[in-house]
Amino acid sequence: MPRLKPVSHLSELDAVIAESLDRPVLLFKHSRHCGVSCEALDELHAHLERSETLASYRLITVQTHRPISDAAAQRLGVRHETPQAILVRGGKAVWNASHFRITANTLDEITLRHAS
């Protein structure tokens, strides 16, 4: 099962974008105080339990790392939302979804599609 690693510094966000040149990276922006975000995180965990892709997985907790969340939105050219899943490939956001559009099945499909 792939690990969900936190992004706590801007240098780690830079590393995520650089890593996406070699493989897809799913960046998940999470709010601990939002029920919808907790449900989306559950969907992400369900995806992780059965994932067979070579994607990498990163987590930004918005309450404690809002500047990193804002930087991710700006650098990747996506509007900030929480919860939000952003698939980064080749240094760019190739897909993103928020709220109830984040499902385990959707994450399965999108990570497999961008794995090669």
N, C-alpha and C. Protein backbone atom coordinates (compact mmCIF):
# COMPACT_ATOMS: atom_id res chain seq x y z
N MET A 1 0.84 -1.18 0.00
CA MET A 1 0.00 0.00 0.00
C MET A 1 0.89 1.25 0.00
N PRO A 2 0.64 2.19 -0.91
CA PRO A 2 1.40 3.43 -0.93
C PRO A 2 1.17 4.24 0.35
N ARG A 3 2.15 5.02 0.71
CA ARG A 3 2.07 5.87 1.90
C ARG A 3 1.65 7.28 1.53
N LEU A 4 0.87 7.89 2.41
CA LEU A 4 0.46 9.28 2.27
C LEU A 4 1.40 10.12 3.13
N LYS A 5 2.25 10.91 2.48
CA LYS A 5 3.28 11.67 3.19
C LYS A 5 2.88 13.14 3.26
N PRO A 6 3.08 13.77 4.41
CA PRO A 6 2.72 15.18 4.55
C PRO A 6 3.69 16.10 3.80
N VAL A 7 3.16 17.24 3.37
CA VAL A 7 3.96 18.31 2.80
C VAL A 7 3.90 19.45 3.80
N SER A 8 5.04 19.77 4.41
CA SER A 8 5.08 20.75 5.49
C SER A 8 5.88 22.00 5.17
N HIS A 9 6.63 21.97 4.07
CA HIS A 9 7.50 23.10 3.73
C HIS A 9 7.42 23.36 2.23
N LEU A 10 7.67 24.60 1.83
CA LEU A 10 7.65 24.94 0.41
C LEU A 10 8.67 24.12 -0.37
N SER A 11 9.79 23.80 0.24
CA SER A 11 10.79 22.98 -0.45
C SER A 11 10.24 21.59 -0.77
N GLU A 12 9.37 21.08 0.10
CA GLU A 12 8.73 19.78 -0.16
C GLU A 12 7.74 19.88 -1.31
N LEU A 13 7.04 21.02 -1.43
CA LEU A 13 6.15 21.22 -2.56
C LEU A 13 6.96 21.25 -3.86
N ASP A 14 8.12 21.92 -3.83
CA ASP A 14 9.01 21.93 -5.00
C ASP A 14 9.43 20.50 -5.34
N ALA A 15 9.73 19.70 -4.32
CA ALA A 15 10.13 18.31 -4.54
C ALA A 15 8.99 17.48 -5.14
N VAL A 16 7.76 17.76 -4.72
CA VAL A 16 6.59 17.07 -5.28
C VAL A 16 6.49 17.35 -6.78
N ILE A 17 6.62 18.63 -7.13
CA ILE A 17 6.52 19.01 -8.54
C ILE A 17 7.65 18.37 -9.34
N ALA A 18 8.86 18.36 -8.78
CA ALA A 18 9.99 17.72 -9.47
C ALA A 18 9.78 16.21 -9.60
N GLU A 19 9.26 15.58 -8.55
CA GLU A 19 9.01 14.14 -8.59
C GLU A 19 8.01 13.77 -9.69
N SER A 20 7.09 14.68 -9.96
CA SER A 20 6.06 14.41 -10.96
C SER A 20 6.63 14.29 -12.37
N LEU A 21 7.89 14.66 -12.55
CA LEU A 21 8.53 14.47 -13.85
C LEU A 21 8.82 13.00 -14.09
N ASP A 22 8.94 12.21 -13.00
CA ASP A 22 9.23 10.78 -13.10
C ASP A 22 8.00 9.89 -12.94
N ARG A 23 7.06 10.35 -12.13
CA ARG A 23 5.85 9.55 -11.89
C ARG A 23 4.73 10.48 -11.41
N PRO A 24 3.48 10.04 -11.52
CA PRO A 24 2.38 10.89 -11.06
C PRO A 24 2.42 11.06 -9.54
N VAL A 25 2.03 12.24 -9.10
CA VAL A 25 1.94 12.52 -7.67
C VAL A 25 0.53 13.04 -7.40
N LEU A 26 -0.16 12.40 -6.48
CA LEU A 26 -1.49 12.86 -6.08
C LEU A 26 -1.32 13.70 -4.82
N LEU A 27 -1.69 14.95 -4.94
CA LEU A 27 -1.61 15.90 -3.83
C LEU A 27 -3.02 16.08 -3.28
N PHE A 28 -3.20 15.80 -1.99
CA PHE A 28 -4.52 15.90 -1.37
C PHE A 28 -4.51 17.02 -0.35
N LYS A 29 -5.39 18.01 -0.54
CA LYS A 29 -5.51 19.13 0.39
C LYS A 29 -6.69 18.84 1.31
N HIS A 30 -6.42 18.85 2.60
CA HIS A 30 -7.38 18.37 3.60
C HIS A 30 -7.65 19.40 4.68
N SER A 31 -8.90 19.46 5.11
CA SER A 31 -9.30 20.28 6.26
C SER A 31 -9.80 19.34 7.35
N ARG A 32 -9.15 19.39 8.50
CA ARG A 32 -9.54 18.50 9.60
C ARG A 32 -10.90 18.86 10.20
N HIS A 33 -11.39 20.06 9.94
CA HIS A 33 -12.64 20.52 10.55
C HIS A 33 -13.83 20.43 9.61
N CYS A 34 -13.67 19.75 8.52
CA CYS A 34 -14.73 19.68 7.50
C CYS A 34 -15.15 18.22 7.31
N GLY A 35 -16.42 17.94 7.52
CA GLY A 35 -16.94 16.58 7.35
C GLY A 35 -16.75 16.06 5.94
N VAL A 36 -16.97 16.92 4.94
CA VAL A 36 -16.80 16.50 3.55
C VAL A 36 -15.34 16.13 3.29
N SER A 37 -14.43 16.90 3.85
CA SER A 37 -13.01 16.61 3.69
C SER A 37 -12.65 15.28 4.34
N CYS A 38 -13.22 15.00 5.49
CA CYS A 38 -12.96 13.72 6.16
C CYS A 38 -13.48 12.56 5.33
N GLU A 39 -14.65 12.74 4.68
CA GLU A 39 -15.18 11.69 3.81
C GLU A 39 -14.27 11.49 2.59
N ALA A 40 -13.79 12.59 2.02
CA ALA A 40 -12.89 12.48 0.87
C ALA A 40 -11.59 11.79 1.27
N LEU A 41 -11.10 12.08 2.48
CA LEU A 41 -9.89 11.41 2.97
C LEU A 41 -10.13 9.91 3.14
N ASP A 42 -11.31 9.53 3.61
CA ASP A 42 -11.66 8.11 3.69
C ASP A 42 -11.63 7.46 2.30
N GLU A 43 -12.13 8.17 1.29
CA GLU A 43 -12.10 7.66 -0.08
C GLU A 43 -10.66 7.50 -0.56
N LEU A 44 -9.81 8.47 -0.22
CA LEU A 44 -8.40 8.36 -0.58
C LEU A 44 -7.76 7.15 0.09
N HIS A 45 -8.05 6.93 1.36
CA HIS A 45 -7.50 5.76 2.06
C HIS A 45 -8.00 4.45 1.43
N ALA A 46 -9.26 4.41 1.02
CA ALA A 46 -9.78 3.22 0.35
C ALA A 46 -9.01 2.98 -0.96
N HIS A 47 -8.75 4.04 -1.68
CA HIS A 47 -7.95 3.94 -2.91
C HIS A 47 -6.55 3.42 -2.59
N LEU A 48 -5.93 3.99 -1.57
CA LEU A 48 -4.56 3.60 -1.21
C LEU A 48 -4.47 2.12 -0.83
N GLU A 49 -5.49 1.60 -0.17
CA GLU A 49 -5.49 0.20 0.25
C GLU A 49 -5.45 -0.76 -0.92
N ARG A 50 -6.00 -0.35 -2.03
CA ARG A 50 -6.05 -1.27 -3.18
C ARG A 50 -5.22 -0.79 -4.36
N SER A 51 -4.52 0.32 -4.22
CA SER A 51 -3.78 0.90 -5.33
C SER A 51 -2.60 0.04 -5.73
N GLU A 52 -2.44 -0.12 -7.04
CA GLU A 52 -1.31 -0.85 -7.58
C GLU A 52 -0.49 0.04 -8.50
N THR A 53 -0.73 1.34 -8.47
CA THR A 53 0.01 2.24 -9.34
C THR A 53 1.33 2.62 -8.69
N LEU A 54 2.17 3.23 -9.47
CA LEU A 54 3.45 3.72 -8.97
C LEU A 54 3.37 5.18 -8.59
N ALA A 55 2.17 5.68 -8.41
CA ALA A 55 1.99 7.08 -8.03
C ALA A 55 2.51 7.31 -6.62
N SER A 56 2.84 8.56 -6.37
CA SER A 56 3.25 8.99 -5.05
C SER A 56 2.09 9.81 -4.47
N TYR A 57 1.96 9.82 -3.15
CA TYR A 57 0.82 10.47 -2.51
C TYR A 57 1.28 11.43 -1.43
N ARG A 58 0.76 12.66 -1.48
CA ARG A 58 1.15 13.71 -0.54
C ARG A 58 -0.07 14.39 0.04
N LEU A 59 0.06 14.88 1.27
CA LEU A 59 -1.05 15.50 2.00
C LEU A 59 -0.65 16.89 2.48
N ILE A 60 -1.52 17.86 2.21
CA ILE A 60 -1.37 19.20 2.78
C ILE A 60 -2.56 19.41 3.70
N THR A 61 -2.30 19.63 4.98
CA THR A 61 -3.35 19.95 5.94
C THR A 61 -3.49 21.47 5.96
N VAL A 62 -4.63 21.95 5.51
CA VAL A 62 -4.82 23.38 5.27
C VAL A 62 -4.73 24.20 6.55
N GLN A 63 -5.25 23.70 7.67
CA GLN A 63 -5.22 24.49 8.91
C GLN A 63 -3.80 24.84 9.33
N THR A 64 -2.88 23.92 9.17
CA THR A 64 -1.52 24.14 9.66
C THR A 64 -0.54 24.57 8.56
N HIS A 65 -0.94 24.43 7.31
CA HIS A 65 -0.03 24.74 6.21
C HIS A 65 -0.73 25.49 5.08
N ARG A 66 -1.51 26.50 5.45
CA ARG A 66 -2.26 27.26 4.44
C ARG A 66 -1.33 27.92 3.40
N PRO A 67 -0.18 28.49 3.78
CA PRO A 67 0.69 29.06 2.75
C PRO A 67 1.15 28.03 1.70
N ILE A 68 1.35 26.79 2.13
CA ILE A 68 1.74 25.74 1.18
C ILE A 68 0.57 25.39 0.28
N SER A 69 -0.62 25.33 0.86
CA SER A 69 -1.83 25.07 0.07
C SER A 69 -2.02 26.16 -0.98
N ASP A 70 -1.86 27.41 -0.57
CA ASP A 70 -2.00 28.53 -1.51
C ASP A 70 -0.92 28.47 -2.60
N ALA A 71 0.31 28.13 -2.20
CA ALA A 71 1.40 28.03 -3.17
C ALA A 71 1.13 26.91 -4.18
N ALA A 72 0.59 25.79 -3.70
CA ALA A 72 0.26 24.69 -4.61
C ALA A 72 -0.78 25.13 -5.63
N ALA A 73 -1.81 25.82 -5.17
CA ALA A 73 -2.84 26.31 -6.10
C ALA A 73 -2.23 27.25 -7.13
N GLN A 74 -1.39 28.16 -6.68
CA GLN A 74 -0.77 29.12 -7.59
C GLN A 74 0.19 28.45 -8.56
N ARG A 75 1.09 27.61 -8.06
CA ARG A 75 2.10 26.98 -8.92
C ARG A 75 1.50 25.99 -9.91
N LEU A 76 0.39 25.37 -9.51
CA LEU A 76 -0.22 24.36 -10.38
C LEU A 76 -1.38 24.91 -11.20
N GLY A 77 -1.73 26.17 -10.97
CA GLY A 77 -2.77 26.82 -11.78
C GLY A 77 -4.17 26.30 -11.53
N VAL A 78 -4.46 25.92 -10.28
CA VAL A 78 -5.80 25.46 -9.94
C VAL A 78 -6.38 26.35 -8.85
N ARG A 79 -7.68 26.50 -8.85
CA ARG A 79 -8.35 27.27 -7.81
C ARG A 79 -8.32 26.48 -6.50
N HIS A 80 -8.01 27.14 -5.40
CA HIS A 80 -7.97 26.48 -4.10
C HIS A 80 -9.36 25.99 -3.69
N GLU A 81 -9.41 24.74 -3.29
CA GLU A 81 -10.61 24.17 -2.69
C GLU A 81 -10.15 23.18 -1.62
N THR A 82 -11.05 22.90 -0.69
CA THR A 82 -10.77 21.90 0.33
C THR A 82 -12.06 21.15 0.60
N PRO A 83 -12.04 19.85 0.50
CA PRO A 83 -10.94 19.00 0.11
C PRO A 83 -10.67 19.12 -1.38
N GLN A 84 -9.47 18.78 -1.75
CA GLN A 84 -9.09 18.83 -3.16
C GLN A 84 -8.02 17.79 -3.44
N ALA A 85 -8.19 17.09 -4.53
CA ALA A 85 -7.19 16.14 -5.01
C ALA A 85 -6.65 16.69 -6.33
N ILE A 86 -5.33 16.76 -6.44
CA ILE A 86 -4.68 17.28 -7.64
C ILE A 86 -3.67 16.23 -8.09
N LEU A 87 -3.80 15.77 -9.32
CA LEU A 87 -2.82 14.84 -9.87
C LEU A 87 -1.81 15.66 -10.67
N VAL A 88 -0.55 15.54 -10.26
CA VAL A 88 0.53 16.30 -10.87
C VAL A 88 1.38 15.34 -11.69
N ARG A 89 1.59 15.68 -12.95
CA ARG A 89 2.39 14.84 -13.86
C ARG A 89 3.17 15.78 -14.76
N GLY A 90 4.44 15.57 -14.89
CA GLY A 90 5.25 16.42 -15.75
C GLY A 90 5.33 17.86 -15.26
N GLY A 91 5.20 18.05 -13.95
CA GLY A 91 5.29 19.39 -13.37
C GLY A 91 4.02 20.20 -13.46
N LYS A 92 2.93 19.59 -13.94
CA LYS A 92 1.67 20.32 -14.13
C LYS A 92 0.50 19.54 -13.55
N ALA A 93 -0.53 20.27 -13.18
CA ALA A 93 -1.77 19.62 -12.76
C ALA A 93 -2.46 19.08 -14.01
N VAL A 94 -2.66 17.76 -14.05
CA VAL A 94 -3.32 17.15 -15.20
C VAL A 94 -4.76 16.79 -14.89
N TRP A 95 -5.12 16.86 -13.60
CA TRP A 95 -6.48 16.56 -13.17
C TRP A 95 -6.64 17.08 -11.76
N ASN A 96 -7.85 17.55 -11.45
CA ASN A 96 -8.16 17.89 -10.06
C ASN A 96 -9.65 17.75 -9.83
N ALA A 97 -9.99 17.49 -8.59
CA ALA A 97 -11.39 17.35 -8.19
C ALA A 97 -11.51 17.81 -6.75
N SER A 98 -12.73 18.14 -6.38
CA SER A 98 -12.95 18.55 -5.00
C SER A 98 -14.25 17.95 -4.48
N HIS A 99 -14.38 18.04 -3.19
CA HIS A 99 -15.58 17.63 -2.47
C HIS A 99 -16.01 16.21 -2.82
N PHE A 100 -17.27 16.01 -3.18
CA PHE A 100 -17.80 14.67 -3.40
C PHE A 100 -17.36 14.05 -4.73
N ARG A 101 -16.60 14.78 -5.53
CA ARG A 101 -16.05 14.20 -6.76
C ARG A 101 -14.78 13.40 -6.48
N ILE A 102 -14.32 13.44 -5.23
CA ILE A 102 -13.15 12.64 -4.84
C ILE A 102 -13.67 11.30 -4.32
N THR A 103 -13.57 10.28 -5.16
CA THR A 103 -14.00 8.94 -4.76
C THR A 103 -12.87 7.96 -5.01
N ALA A 104 -12.90 6.85 -4.30
CA ALA A 104 -11.87 5.82 -4.48
C ALA A 104 -11.84 5.34 -5.93
N ASN A 105 -13.01 5.12 -6.52
CA ASN A 105 -13.07 4.64 -7.90
C ASN A 105 -12.48 5.65 -8.88
N THR A 106 -12.78 6.92 -8.67
CA THR A 106 -12.23 7.96 -9.54
C THR A 106 -10.71 8.03 -9.39
N LEU A 107 -10.22 7.94 -8.15
CA LEU A 107 -8.77 7.97 -7.93
C LEU A 107 -8.10 6.75 -8.54
N ASP A 108 -8.75 5.58 -8.46
CA ASP A 108 -8.21 4.37 -9.12
C ASP A 108 -8.04 4.64 -10.62
N GLU A 109 -9.08 5.15 -11.22
CA GLU A 109 -9.09 5.36 -12.67
C GLU A 109 -8.05 6.41 -13.08
N ILE A 110 -8.03 7.52 -12.40
CA ILE A 110 -7.17 8.63 -12.82
C ILE A 110 -5.67 8.30 -12.60
N THR A 111 -5.34 7.62 -11.52
CA THR A 111 -3.93 7.29 -11.30
C THR A 111 -3.45 6.22 -12.29
N LEU A 112 -4.31 5.29 -12.63
CA LEU A 112 -3.93 4.29 -13.64
C LEU A 112 -3.76 4.94 -15.01
N ARG A 113 -4.64 5.85 -15.35
CA ARG A 113 -4.59 6.52 -16.66
C ARG A 113 -3.29 7.30 -16.83
N HIS A 114 -2.79 7.89 -15.76
CA HIS A 114 -1.60 8.74 -15.86
C HIS A 114 -0.32 8.05 -15.39
N ALA A 115 -0.37 6.73 -15.18
CA ALA A 115 0.78 6.00 -14.64
C ALA A 115 1.91 5.86 -15.66
N SER A 116 1.58 5.85 -16.94
CA SER A 116 2.66 5.62 -17.91
C SER A 116 3.12 6.90 -18.56
